[in-house]
C-alpha atoms as a PDB file:
ATOM      1  CA  MET A   1       0.000   0.000   0.000  1.00  0.00           C
ATOM      2  CA  ALA A   2       1.464   3.345  -1.040  1.00  0.00           C
ATOM      3  CA  GLU A   3       1.697   6.154   1.439  1.00  0.00           C
ATOM      4  CA  PRO A   4      -0.633   9.086   0.791  1.00  0.00           C
ATOM      5  CA  THR A   5       0.897  12.304  -0.431  1.00  0.00           C
ATOM      6  CA  PHE A   6       0.555  15.432   1.621  1.00  0.00           C
ATOM      7  CA  THR A   7       0.715  19.138   0.902  1.00  0.00           C
ATOM      8  CA  ALA A   8       1.053  21.908   3.429  1.00  0.00           C
ATOM      9  CA  LYS A   9      -2.379  23.190   4.428  1.00  0.00           C
ATOM     10  CA  ARG A  10      -1.163  26.163   6.421  1.00  0.00           C
ATOM     11  CA  THR A  11      -1.536  29.622   4.889  1.00  0.00           C
ATOM     12  CA  GLN A  12       1.496  30.661   2.850  1.00  0.00           C
ATOM     13  CA  TYR A  13       2.862  34.155   3.393  1.00  0.00           C
ATOM     14  CA  PRO A  14       5.060  35.407   0.535  1.00  0.00           C
ATOM     15  CA  PHE A  15       7.942  37.732   1.311  1.00  0.00           C
ATOM     16  CA  ASP A  16       6.870  41.345   0.801  1.00  0.00           C
ATOM     17  CA  THR A  17       9.441  43.997  -0.181  1.00  0.00           C
ATOM     18  CA  THR A  18       7.159  47.046  -0.227  1.00  0.00           C
ATOM     19  CA  ASN A  19       8.405  48.506   3.068  1.00  0.00           C
ATOM     20  CA  LEU A  20      12.091  47.849   2.436  1.00  0.00           C
ATOM     21  CA  LYS A  21      12.959  51.056   0.590  1.00  0.00           C
ATOM     22  CA  TYR A  22      16.101  51.940   2.540  1.00  0.00           C
ATOM     23  CA  LYS A  23      17.643  48.465   2.710  1.00  0.00           C
ATOM     24  CA  THR A  24      20.593  47.319   0.645  1.00  0.00           C
ATOM     25  CA  ARG A  25      20.222  44.380  -1.719  1.00  0.00           C
ATOM     26  CA  SER A  26      22.243  42.212   0.656  1.00  0.00           C
ATOM     27  CA  GLU A  27      19.989  43.126   3.622  1.00  0.00           C
ATOM     28  CA  VAL A  28      16.882  42.349   1.591  1.00  0.00           C
ATOM     29  CA  LEU A  29      18.292  38.950   0.561  1.00  0.00           C
ATOM     30  CA  ASP A  30      19.181  38.226   4.201  1.00  0.00           C
ATOM     31  CA  LEU A  31      15.639  39.059   5.350  1.00  0.00           C
ATOM     32  CA  GLN A  32      14.184  36.972   2.519  1.00  0.00           C
ATOM     33  CA  ARG A  33      16.362  33.991   3.478  1.00  0.00           C
ATOM     34  CA  LYS A  34      15.146  34.204   7.091  1.00  0.00           C
ATOM     35  CA  TRP A  35      11.524  34.575   5.971  1.00  0.00           C
ATOM     36  CA  ASN A  36      11.790  31.583   3.631  1.00  0.00           C
ATOM     37  CA  THR A  37      13.565  29.434   6.223  1.00  0.00           C
ATOM     38  CA  PHE A  38      10.616  29.894   8.572  1.00  0.00           C
ATOM     39  CA  GLU A  39       8.113  29.175   5.781  1.00  0.00           C
ATOM     40  CA  GLN A  40       9.900  26.002   4.608  1.00  0.00           C
ATOM     41  CA  ILE A  41      10.294  24.539   8.081  1.00  0.00           C
ATOM     42  CA  GLU A  42       6.699  25.297   9.071  1.00  0.00           C
ATOM     43  CA  ASN A  43       5.440  23.749   5.807  1.00  0.00           C
ATOM     44  CA  TYR A  44       7.466  20.608   6.499  1.00  0.00           C
ATOM     45  CA  ASN A  45       6.209  20.455  10.104  1.00  0.00           C
ATOM     46  CA  ASP A  46       2.623  20.950   8.889  1.00  0.00           C
ATOM     47  CA  ILE A  47       2.944  17.903   6.651  1.00  0.00           C
ATOM     48  CA  ILE A  48       4.361  15.871   9.533  1.00  0.00           C
ATOM     49  CA  TYR A  49       1.480  17.004  11.748  1.00  0.00           C
ATOM     50  CA  GLN A  50      -1.002  15.853   9.086  1.00  0.00           C
ATOM     51  CA  ARG A  51       0.713  12.461   9.103  1.00  0.00           C
ATOM     52  CA  PHE A  52       0.371  12.320  12.891  1.00  0.00           C
ATOM     53  CA  LEU A  53      -3.369  13.053  12.559  1.00  0.00           C
ATOM     54  CA  ILE A  54      -3.932   9.898  10.513  1.00  0.00           C
ATOM     55  CA  GLY A  55      -1.684   7.758  12.686  1.00  0.00           C
ATOM     56  CA  LEU A  56       1.562   7.723  10.680  1.00  0.00           C
ATOM     57  CA  ARG A  57       4.356   8.188  13.227  1.00  0.00           C
ATOM     58  CA  ASN A  58       7.393   7.095  11.199  1.00  0.00           C
ATOM     59  CA  LYS A  59       8.738  10.638  10.633  1.00  0.00           C
ATOM     60  CA  THR A  60       9.630  13.444  13.026  1.00  0.00           C
ATOM     61  CA  TYR A  61       9.419  17.202  13.010  1.00  0.00           C
ATOM     62  CA  TYR A  62      12.190  19.138  11.335  1.00  0.00           C
ATOM     63  CA  GLN A  63      15.628  18.913  12.994  1.00  0.00           C
ATOM     64  CA  PHE A  64      17.789  21.998  12.561  1.00  0.00           C
ATOM     65  CA  VAL A  65      21.049  21.377  10.716  1.00  0.00           C
ATOM     66  CA  SER A  66      22.973  24.182  12.397  1.00  0.00           C
ATOM     67  CA  ASN A  67      22.661  26.908  14.958  1.00  0.00           C
ATOM     68  CA  THR A  68      22.637  29.442  12.114  1.00  0.00           C
ATOM     69  CA  GLU A  69      19.565  27.779  10.616  1.00  0.00           C
ATOM     70  CA  LEU A  70      17.833  27.893  14.000  1.00  0.00           C
ATOM     71  CA  LYS A  71      18.627  31.610  14.303  1.00  0.00           C
ATOM     72  CA  ASP A  72      17.294  32.209  10.772  1.00  0.00           C
ATOM     73  CA  TYR A  73      14.103  30.311  11.663  1.00  0.00           C
ATOM     74  CA  ARG A  74      13.536  32.407  14.796  1.00  0.00           C
ATOM     75  CA  ALA A  75      14.323  35.635  12.931  1.00  0.00           C
ATOM     76  CA  GLY A  76      11.886  34.603  10.173  1.00  0.00           C
ATOM     77  CA  GLN A  77       9.237  33.883  12.781  1.00  0.00           C
ATOM     78  CA  GLU A  78       9.797  37.345  14.231  1.00  0.00           C
ATOM     79  CA  LEU A  79       9.560  38.915  10.754  1.00  0.00           C
ATOM     80  CA  HIS A  80       6.210  37.174  10.258  1.00  0.00           C
ATOM     81  CA  GLN A  81       4.958  38.506  13.589  1.00  0.00           C
ATOM     82  CA  LEU A  82       6.101  42.028  12.744  1.00  0.00           C
ATOM     83  CA  LYS A  83       4.454  41.937   9.321  1.00  0.00           C
ATOM     84  CA  TYR A  84       1.188  40.362  10.558  1.00  0.00           C
ATOM     85  CA  PRO A  85       0.854  41.350  14.243  1.00  0.00           C
ATOM     86  CA  THR A  86      -2.737  40.112  14.565  1.00  0.00           C
ATOM     87  CA  LEU A  87      -1.878  36.548  13.506  1.00  0.00           C
ATOM     88  CA  SER A  88      -0.235  33.819  15.554  1.00  0.00           C
ATOM     89  CA  PHE A  89       2.930  32.225  14.224  1.00  0.00           C
ATOM     90  CA  ASP A  90       3.532  29.667  16.948  1.00  0.00           C
ATOM     91  CA  SER A  91       5.573  26.707  15.828  1.00  0.00           C
ATOM     92  CA  ILE A  92       3.549  23.757  14.556  1.00  0.00           C
ATOM     93  CA  SER A  93       5.895  21.419  16.375  1.00  0.00           C
ATOM     94  CA  ASN A  94       4.627  22.870  19.685  1.00  0.00           C
ATOM     95  CA  ARG A  95       1.088  21.633  19.046  1.00  0.00           C
ATOM     96  CA  PRO A  96      -0.085  18.780  21.254  1.00  0.00           C
ATOM     97  CA  MET A  97       0.303  15.354  19.706  1.00  0.00           C
ATOM     98  CA  PRO A  98      -2.999  14.028  18.339  1.00  0.00           C
ATOM     99  CA  ASP A  99      -4.466  10.868  19.887  1.00  0.00           C
ATOM    100  CA  VAL A 100      -2.286  11.280  22.953  1.00  0.00           C
ATOM    101  CA  PRO A 101      -4.092  11.480  26.273  1.00  0.00           C
ATOM    102  CA  THR A 102      -3.626  14.699  28.201  1.00  0.00           C
ATOM    103  CA  VAL A 103      -0.928  14.398  30.804  1.00  0.00           C
ATOM    104  CA  SER A 104      -2.197  15.246  34.269  1.00  0.00           C
ATOM    105  CA  GLY A 105       1.052  16.841  35.349  1.00  0.00           C
ATOM    106  CA  PRO A 106       4.508  15.875  36.440  1.00  0.00           C
ATOM    107  CA  PRO A 107       4.887  12.828  38.653  1.00  0.00           C
ATOM    108  CA  GLN A 108       4.854  13.470  42.354  1.00  0.00           C
ATOM    109  CA  TYR A 109       8.143  12.729  44.045  1.00  0.00           C
ATOM    110  CA  ILE A 110       8.577  12.104  47.723  1.00  0.00           C
ATOM    111  CA  GLN A 111      11.873  13.126  49.217  1.00  0.00           C
ATOM    112  CA  LEU A 112      13.192  10.541  51.603  1.00  0.00           C
ATOM    113  CA  SER A 113      15.242  11.977  54.384  1.00  0.00           C
ATOM    114  CA  ARG A 114      18.084  10.174  56.025  1.00  0.00           C
ATOM    115  CA  SER A 115      18.502  10.527  59.712  1.00  0.00           C
ATOM    116  CA  THR A 116      21.766  12.281  60.564  1.00  0.00           C
ATOM    117  CA  ASN A 117      21.459  11.401  64.220  1.00  0.00           C
ATOM    118  CA  PRO A 118      22.877   8.007  65.128  1.00  0.00           C
ATOM    119  CA  ILE A 119      20.532   5.435  66.594  1.00  0.00           C
ATOM    120  CA  VAL A 120      21.785   5.032  70.125  1.00  0.00           C
ATOM    121  CA  PRO A 121      20.548   2.109  72.198  1.00  0.00           C
ATOM    122  CA  ALA A 122      19.101   2.750  75.659  1.00  0.00           C
ATOM    123  CA  VAL A 123      21.899   3.723  78.000  1.00  0.00           C
ATOM    124  CA  ASP A 124      22.230   5.151  81.474  1.00  0.00           C
ATOM    125  CA  SER A 125      22.385   8.890  82.063  1.00  0.00           C
ATOM    126  CA  SER A 126      26.195   9.217  82.084  1.00  0.00           C
ATOM    127  CA  GLU A 127      26.535   7.360  78.795  1.00  0.00           C
ATOM    128  CA  ASN A 128      23.644   9.409  77.395  1.00  0.00           C
ATOM    129  CA  THR A 129      25.414  12.636  78.409  1.00  0.00           C
ATOM    130  CA  THR A 130      28.646  11.424  76.817  1.00  0.00           C
ATOM    131  CA  ALA A 131      26.844  10.471  73.587  1.00  0.00           C
ATOM    132  CA  ARG A 132      25.150  13.875  73.447  1.00  0.00           C
ATOM    133  CA  SER A 133      28.419  15.736  74.016  1.00  0.00           C
ATOM    134  CA  GLU A 134      30.110  13.645  71.307  1.00  0.00           C
ATOM    135  CA  LEU A 135      27.233  14.396  68.948  1.00  0.00           C
ATOM    136  CA  ALA A 136      27.490  18.090  69.786  1.00  0.00           C
ATOM    137  CA  MET A 137      31.250  17.942  69.090  1.00  0.00           C
ATOM    138  CA  TYR A 138      30.604  16.210  65.762  1.00  0.00           C
ATOM    139  CA  THR A 139      27.964  18.790  64.781  1.00  0.00           C
ATOM    140  CA  TYR A 140      30.212  21.692  65.721  1.00  0.00           C
ATOM    141  CA  VAL A 141      33.278  20.351  63.872  1.00  0.00           C
ATOM    142  CA  SER A 142      31.291  19.375  60.770  1.00  0.00           C
ATOM    143  CA  THR A 143      29.628  22.795  60.623  1.00  0.00           C
ATOM    144  CA  TYR A 144      32.953  24.518  61.123  1.00  0.00           C
ATOM    145  CA  ASN A 145      34.593  22.489  58.330  1.00  0.00           C
ATOM    146  CA  ALA A 146      31.676  23.185  55.975  1.00  0.00           C
ATOM    147  CA  THR A 147      31.723  26.950  56.526  1.00  0.00           C
ATOM    148  CA  HIS A 148      35.459  27.659  56.721  1.00  0.00           C
ATOM    149  CA  HIS A 149      38.332  27.269  54.304  1.00  0.00           C
ATOM    150  CA  TYR A 150      40.499  25.566  56.913  1.00  0.00           C
ATOM    151  CA  GLN A 151      39.753  22.344  58.734  1.00  0.00           C
ATOM    152  CA  TYR A 152      39.017  22.418  62.455  1.00  0.00           C
ATOM    153  CA  SER A 153      42.070  21.813  64.653  1.00  0.00           C
ATOM    154  CA  PHE A 154      41.214  19.565  67.560  1.00  0.00           C
ATOM    155  CA  VAL A 155      42.282  20.844  70.967  1.00  0.00           C
ATOM    156  CA  ASN A 156      43.221  17.368  72.180  1.00  0.00           C
ATOM    157  CA  ASN A 157      43.070  13.720  71.184  1.00  0.00           C
ATOM    158  CA  GLU A 158      39.920  13.196  73.212  1.00  0.00           C
ATOM    159  CA  GLU A 159      37.964  15.588  70.964  1.00  0.00           C
ATOM    160  CA  GLN A 160      39.264  13.881  67.844  1.00  0.00           C
ATOM    161  CA  ILE A 161      38.412  10.415  69.189  1.00  0.00           C
ATOM    162  CA  ALA A 162      34.866  11.566  70.094  1.00  0.00           C
ATOM    163  CA  TYR A 163      34.404  13.129  66.656  1.00  0.00           C
ATOM    164  CA  ASN A 164      35.602   9.999  64.839  1.00  0.00           C
ATOM    165  CA  ARG A 165      33.471   7.728  67.045  1.00  0.00           C
ATOM    166  CA  ILE A 166      30.245   9.601  66.151  1.00  0.00           C
ATOM    167  CA  ARG A 167      31.255   9.887  62.486  1.00  0.00           C
ATOM    168  CA  GLN A 168      31.747   6.122  62.399  1.00  0.00           C
ATOM    169  CA  LYS A 169      28.309   5.556  63.952  1.00  0.00           C
ATOM    170  CA  ILE A 170      26.638   7.887  61.473  1.00  0.00           C
ATOM    171  CA  THR A 171      28.313   6.451  58.374  1.00  0.00           C
ATOM    172  CA  THR A 172      27.538   2.847  59.375  1.00  0.00           C
ATOM    173  CA  CYS A 173      24.003   3.634  60.548  1.00  0.00           C
ATOM    174  CA  PRO A 174      21.363   2.097  58.213  1.00  0.00           C
ATOM    175  CA  PRO A 175      18.945   4.606  56.675  1.00  0.00           C
ATOM    176  CA  SER A 176      15.599   4.862  58.425  1.00  0.00           C
END
């Protein structure tokens, strides 16, 4: 079965030179190139959209060859809007896909938080006080290191041992 042939059904807008009196020939040709680039790409995309309407999905919208071509397309679109300010020249490729259900919105994500406090088993009050002071030391040193260019210098080995003990508990603690 042969594929049907398509022609662009969108309204064609020829390049008009009536208001270009004070432009050089090179400027006029540049404007015409930009105008025609927009027309050609929109005609191609219109044909692709017609194919989508009847269920043929084996081709895609126009892919720009270079950044220069993309700039010419956008400049041509702007020229169309300046010439015909009451008309809309939105890109055909921005139309919603036919036969595609409307998307209800982006998926909802739930942020899982990891507990930064170590899980400490039930202990007596002196051990609880020690654990809290070690955690306070860890919090202070970590905050200091995160906000300063230089690392915290421990006053004595006891501070460093307490810091490393809590850091070890936190890094080996399973996420909750």
